[in-house]
């Protein structure tokens, strides 16, 4: 398992999405939200719900702690 730096959620989301070769638009479709929402998450303008965090962790095969940068 890859260890992620202790960073904030938006950095980890962008890194994981890019590593998987997904665009913001593709990720938005997978989790049934908008491109604008993904953009807002990656810039720190807003944050996902717990249900959305769980979906993201499942998509990227990481723990919630890794996703949000918690040790």
Protein backbone atom coordinates (compact mmCIF):
# COMPACT_ATOMS: atom_id res chain seq x y z
CA UNK A 1 0.00 0.00 0.00
CA UNK A 2 1.30 3.41 -0.94
CA UNK A 3 1.82 5.75 1.99
CA UNK A 4 0.53 9.25 1.49
CA UNK A 5 2.02 12.37 2.93
CA UNK A 6 0.13 14.00 5.73
CA UNK A 7 -1.57 16.57 3.57
CA UNK A 8 -5.01 17.92 3.29
CA UNK A 9 -7.91 16.24 1.60
CA UNK A 10 -7.85 18.37 -1.54
CA UNK A 11 -4.21 17.57 -2.27
CA UNK A 12 -4.77 13.84 -1.72
CA UNK A 13 -7.88 13.80 -3.90
CA UNK A 14 -6.11 15.50 -6.79
CA UNK A 15 -3.08 13.22 -6.43
CA UNK A 16 -5.18 10.03 -6.31
CA UNK A 17 -7.39 11.10 -9.20
CA UNK A 18 -4.39 11.98 -11.35
CA UNK A 19 -2.59 8.76 -10.46
CA UNK A 20 -5.63 6.81 -11.61
CA UNK A 21 -5.70 8.76 -14.86
CA UNK A 22 -9.15 10.20 -14.23
CA UNK A 23 -10.34 13.64 -15.19
CA UNK A 24 -12.49 15.65 -12.82
CA UNK A 25 -15.38 15.05 -15.19
CA UNK A 26 -14.89 11.27 -15.14
CA UNK A 27 -14.75 11.22 -11.33
CA UNK A 28 -17.87 13.37 -11.13
CA UNK A 29 -19.77 10.89 -13.31
CA UNK A 30 -18.64 7.91 -11.22
CA UNK A 31 -19.87 9.43 -7.95
CA UNK A 32 -22.93 11.12 -9.46
CA UNK A 33 -21.97 14.72 -8.85
CA UNK A 34 -20.83 17.67 -10.95
CA UNK A 35 -17.49 18.73 -12.33
CA UNK A 36 -17.87 21.96 -10.35
CA UNK A 37 -18.21 19.96 -7.12
CA UNK A 38 -15.00 18.02 -7.79
CA UNK A 39 -13.21 21.26 -8.64
CA UNK A 40 -14.44 22.82 -5.40
CA UNK A 41 -13.20 19.83 -3.39
CA UNK A 42 -9.77 20.01 -5.01
CA UNK A 43 -9.44 23.73 -4.33
CA UNK A 44 -10.70 23.50 -0.75
CA UNK A 45 -13.78 25.63 -1.48
CA UNK A 46 -16.06 22.87 -0.18
CA UNK A 47 -15.84 19.37 1.27
CA UNK A 48 -17.67 16.13 0.49
CA UNK A 49 -20.21 14.45 2.74
CA UNK A 50 -19.19 11.35 4.68
CA UNK A 51 -21.04 9.20 2.12
CA UNK A 52 -19.07 10.82 -0.68
CA UNK A 53 -15.80 10.36 1.24
CA UNK A 54 -16.56 6.65 1.57
CA UNK A 55 -17.26 6.40 -2.16
CA UNK A 56 -13.98 8.18 -2.95
CA UNK A 57 -12.01 5.91 -0.61
CA UNK A 58 -13.55 2.88 -2.31
CA UNK A 59 -12.83 4.20 -5.81
CA UNK A 60 -9.18 4.86 -4.99
CA UNK A 61 -8.79 1.81 -2.73
CA UNK A 62 -7.49 3.81 0.24
CA UNK A 63 -8.62 4.23 3.81
CA UNK A 64 -10.57 7.28 4.89
CA UNK A 65 -7.58 8.26 7.02
CA UNK A 66 -5.31 8.18 3.98
CA UNK A 67 -7.82 10.12 1.92
CA UNK A 68 -8.14 12.95 4.42
CA UNK A 69 -4.47 12.92 5.47
CA UNK A 70 -5.03 11.64 9.00
CA UNK A 71 -2.45 9.45 10.70
